[in-house]
Structures are given as structure tokens and as C-alpha cells.
Amino acid sequence: MLVGITRQGLVSAMRTGRVAGRQNFSTGKPVRGGAGEKEQGWAYRNWDRPGPKGRQWNNVGFAFITFAYWWMFHGIFTEPEHIFGHGEYMDVTKLTDAELGIPAEE
């Protein structure tokens, strides 16, 4: 019985586009913020084009991050032992006391 009620509620919500009598988020009240030609309107972050000084700093930042990624991937591809290790580990149970630096017993 509960499944039938839930199913009916879901079907009616899908048909009307409303859930529990509320409007969808996209059809809610508009948020204030300029919507003119030059303004993008309200946004969490501003995605407008940068000004003359901003363009220069965007290029500097892009160059820096490109160099940083190149440095990381160049290191990974040319020296993979930094990630995968230098080889097999020694079996320390088979080493002698002299190899381990332990003085001889008297």
C-alpha cells in the first residue's frame, strides 16, 4: 500500500513538474544583479574578460602552471623510480651481522 502511494506521488510530481508543491529551482524568483549588455548578471564568480593588466597576469599564471605541469610530468616520465621505487627490496633476514653493522659478540 505504501509503495502504491509513493508511486502515485512520484508519477504526479513528474507530470506536473513539481515536487511537494514547490517550484523547481530554475523557475524560482530571479536573483538581483545587473543583466545589462555589459554586465553578465549575478554569478558566484565573475567571468568577465580581464582588463589590460589582467591579461598580462593571466599569461604569467598560464606560463607558470604550464612550467609546473611540465616539471612534474617530465620528472615522472624520465625518472619513474621516484614513483615506483628503485628496485626490489633486500631480504633483511638473510643479511649477516657484519652487513648490518652489528659488532661481533665476545
C-alpha atoms as a PDB file:
ATOM      1  CA  MET A   1       0.000   0.000   0.000  1.00  0.00           C
ATOM      2  CA  LEU A   2       2.807   2.430   0.897  1.00  0.00           C
ATOM      3  CA  VAL A   3       4.579   1.607  -2.371  1.00  0.00           C
ATOM      4  CA  GLY A   4       1.424   2.435  -4.341  1.00  0.00           C
ATOM      5  CA  ILE A   5       1.053   5.786  -2.599  1.00  0.00           C
ATOM      6  CA  THR A   6       4.690   6.657  -3.174  1.00  0.00           C
ATOM      7  CA  ARG A   7       4.484   5.626  -6.819  1.00  0.00           C
ATOM      8  CA  GLN A   8       1.361   7.752  -7.341  1.00  0.00           C
ATOM      9  CA  GLY A   9       3.085  10.732  -5.735  1.00  0.00           C
ATOM     10  CA  LEU A  10       6.142  10.356  -7.952  1.00  0.00           C
ATOM     11  CA  VAL A  11       4.099   9.980 -11.119  1.00  0.00           C
ATOM     12  CA  SER A  12       2.016  13.068 -10.340  1.00  0.00           C
ATOM     13  CA  ALA A  13       5.154  15.041  -9.463  1.00  0.00           C
ATOM     14  CA  MET A  14       6.755  14.065 -12.768  1.00  0.00           C
ATOM     15  CA  ARG A  15       3.651  15.044 -14.739  1.00  0.00           C
ATOM     16  CA  THR A  16       3.267  18.457 -13.130  1.00  0.00           C
ATOM     17  CA  GLY A  17       6.973  19.178 -12.779  1.00  0.00           C
ATOM     18  CA  ARG A  18       6.544  19.992  -9.111  1.00  0.00           C
ATOM     19  CA  VAL A  19       7.681  18.156  -6.050  1.00  0.00           C
ATOM     20  CA  ALA A  20       5.698  18.567  -2.840  1.00  0.00           C
ATOM     21  CA  GLY A  21       4.005  21.723  -4.182  1.00  0.00           C
ATOM     22  CA  ARG A  22       7.278  23.681  -4.556  1.00  0.00           C
ATOM     23  CA  GLN A  23       8.579  25.356  -7.663  1.00  0.00           C
ATOM     24  CA  ASN A  24      11.635  23.975  -9.337  1.00  0.00           C
ATOM     25  CA  PHE A  25      14.892  25.760  -8.600  1.00  0.00           C
ATOM     26  CA  SER A  26      15.182  27.043 -12.163  1.00  0.00           C
ATOM     27  CA  THR A  27      11.726  28.655 -12.066  1.00  0.00           C
ATOM     28  CA  GLY A  28      12.223  30.357  -8.734  1.00  0.00           C
ATOM     29  CA  LYS A  29      12.374  34.071  -8.062  1.00  0.00           C
ATOM     30  CA  PRO A  30      15.133  35.771 -10.098  1.00  0.00           C
ATOM     31  CA  VAL A  31      18.159  36.975  -8.179  1.00  0.00           C
ATOM     32  CA  ARG A  32      19.065  40.646  -8.338  1.00  0.00           C
ATOM     33  CA  GLY A  33      22.217  41.577 -10.203  1.00  0.00           C
ATOM     34  CA  GLY A  34      22.795  43.538 -13.377  1.00  0.00           C
ATOM     35  CA  ALA A  35      21.517  41.952 -16.533  1.00  0.00           C
ATOM     36  CA  GLY A  36      22.501  44.718 -18.939  1.00  0.00           C
ATOM     37  CA  GLU A  37      24.519  44.347 -22.130  1.00  0.00           C
ATOM     38  CA  LYS A  38      27.910  44.794 -20.493  1.00  0.00           C
ATOM     39  CA  GLU A  39      27.056  43.013 -17.264  1.00  0.00           C
ATOM     40  CA  GLN A  40      26.758  39.267 -17.017  1.00  0.00           C
ATOM     41  CA  GLY A  41      24.214  39.320 -14.204  1.00  0.00           C
ATOM     42  CA  TRP A  42      24.557  37.621 -10.872  1.00  0.00           C
ATOM     43  CA  ALA A  43      27.215  34.918 -10.672  1.00  0.00           C
ATOM     44  CA  TYR A  44      29.131  33.225  -7.899  1.00  0.00           C
ATOM     45  CA  ARG A  45      32.370  34.296  -9.547  1.00  0.00           C
ATOM     46  CA  ASN A  46      32.937  36.969 -12.135  1.00  0.00           C
ATOM     47  CA  TRP A  47      33.837  35.525 -15.539  1.00  0.00           C
ATOM     48  CA  ASP A  48      34.179  38.797 -17.418  1.00  0.00           C
ATOM     49  CA  ARG A  49      37.147  39.331 -19.697  1.00  0.00           C
ATOM     50  CA  PRO A  50      40.209  40.645 -17.879  1.00  0.00           C
ATOM     51  CA  GLY A  51      41.387  44.187 -18.412  1.00  0.00           C
ATOM     52  CA  PRO A  52      44.804  45.114 -19.857  1.00  0.00           C
ATOM     53  CA  LYS A  53      46.707  44.324 -16.630  1.00  0.00           C
ATOM     54  CA  GLY A  54      44.617  41.217 -16.033  1.00  0.00           C
ATOM     55  CA  ARG A  55      45.543  39.801 -19.431  1.00  0.00           C
ATOM     56  CA  GLN A  56      49.234  40.085 -18.592  1.00  0.00           C
ATOM     57  CA  TRP A  57      48.785  38.312 -15.261  1.00  0.00           C
ATOM     58  CA  ASN A  58      46.672  35.623 -16.907  1.00  0.00           C
ATOM     59  CA  ASN A  59      49.555  34.952 -19.294  1.00  0.00           C
ATOM     60  CA  VAL A  60      52.077  34.888 -16.429  1.00  0.00           C
ATOM     61  CA  GLY A  61      49.884  32.476 -14.474  1.00  0.00           C
ATOM     62  CA  PHE A  62      49.343  30.295 -17.530  1.00  0.00           C
ATOM     63  CA  ALA A  63      53.108  30.179 -18.162  1.00  0.00           C
ATOM     64  CA  PHE A  64      53.791  29.305 -14.520  1.00  0.00           C
ATOM     65  CA  ILE A  65      51.245  26.491 -14.345  1.00  0.00           C
ATOM     66  CA  THR A  66      52.423  25.148 -17.726  1.00  0.00           C
ATOM     67  CA  PHE A  67      56.003  25.037 -16.427  1.00  0.00           C
ATOM     68  CA  ALA A  68      54.868  23.370 -13.189  1.00  0.00           C
ATOM     69  CA  TYR A  69      52.982  20.622 -15.053  1.00  0.00           C
ATOM     70  CA  TRP A  70      55.892  20.175 -17.462  1.00  0.00           C
ATOM     71  CA  TRP A  71      58.274  19.811 -14.497  1.00  0.00           C
ATOM     72  CA  MET A  72      56.081  17.173 -12.843  1.00  0.00           C
ATOM     73  CA  PHE A  73      55.399  15.088 -15.962  1.00  0.00           C
ATOM     74  CA  HIS A  74      58.988  15.373 -17.204  1.00  0.00           C
ATOM     75  CA  GLY A  75      60.151  14.035 -13.851  1.00  0.00           C
ATOM     76  CA  ILE A  76      57.609  11.217 -13.918  1.00  0.00           C
ATOM     77  CA  PHE A  77      58.463  10.122 -17.457  1.00  0.00           C
ATOM     78  CA  THR A  78      62.251  10.451 -17.219  1.00  0.00           C
ATOM     79  CA  GLU A  79      62.747   9.163 -13.655  1.00  0.00           C
ATOM     80  CA  PRO A  80      59.865   6.788 -12.832  1.00  0.00           C
ATOM     81  CA  GLU A  81      61.828   5.291  -9.924  1.00  0.00           C
ATOM     82  CA  HIS A  82      60.675   8.239  -7.843  1.00  0.00           C
ATOM     83  CA  ILE A  83      57.170   6.794  -8.042  1.00  0.00           C
ATOM     84  CA  PHE A  84      57.749   3.061  -8.495  1.00  0.00           C
ATOM     85  CA  GLY A  85      60.881   2.673  -6.380  1.00  0.00           C
ATOM     86  CA  HIS A  86      64.491   1.822  -7.239  1.00  0.00           C
ATOM     87  CA  GLY A  87      64.080  -1.930  -7.431  1.00  0.00           C
ATOM     88  CA  GLU A  88      63.413  -4.930  -5.277  1.00  0.00           C
ATOM     89  CA  TYR A  89      63.845  -4.620  -1.526  1.00  0.00           C
ATOM     90  CA  MET A  90      66.561  -6.700   0.097  1.00  0.00           C
ATOM     91  CA  ASP A  91      65.547  -9.614   2.286  1.00  0.00           C
ATOM     92  CA  VAL A  92      66.920  -8.358   5.610  1.00  0.00           C
ATOM     93  CA  THR A  93      66.535 -11.767   7.256  1.00  0.00           C
ATOM     94  CA  LYS A  94      69.356 -13.144   5.065  1.00  0.00           C
ATOM     95  CA  LEU A  95      71.893 -10.390   5.878  1.00  0.00           C
ATOM     96  CA  THR A  96      74.823 -11.078   8.184  1.00  0.00           C
ATOM     97  CA  ASP A  97      75.630  -9.073  11.298  1.00  0.00           C
ATOM     98  CA  ALA A  98      78.649  -7.531   9.538  1.00  0.00           C
ATOM     99  CA  GLU A  99      76.490  -6.332   6.653  1.00  0.00           C
ATOM    100  CA  LEU A 100      74.061  -4.794   9.135  1.00  0.00           C
ATOM    101  CA  GLY A 101      76.862  -3.102  11.081  1.00  0.00           C
ATOM    102  CA  ILE A 102      76.326  -5.095  14.268  1.00  0.00           C
ATOM    103  CA  PRO A 103      79.574  -5.674  16.229  1.00  0.00           C
ATOM    104  CA  ALA A 104      80.665  -9.280  16.842  1.00  0.00           C
ATOM    105  CA  GLU A 105      79.732 -10.856  20.149  1.00  0.00           C
ATOM    106  CA  GLU A 106      82.563 -11.605  22.613  1.00  0.00           C
END
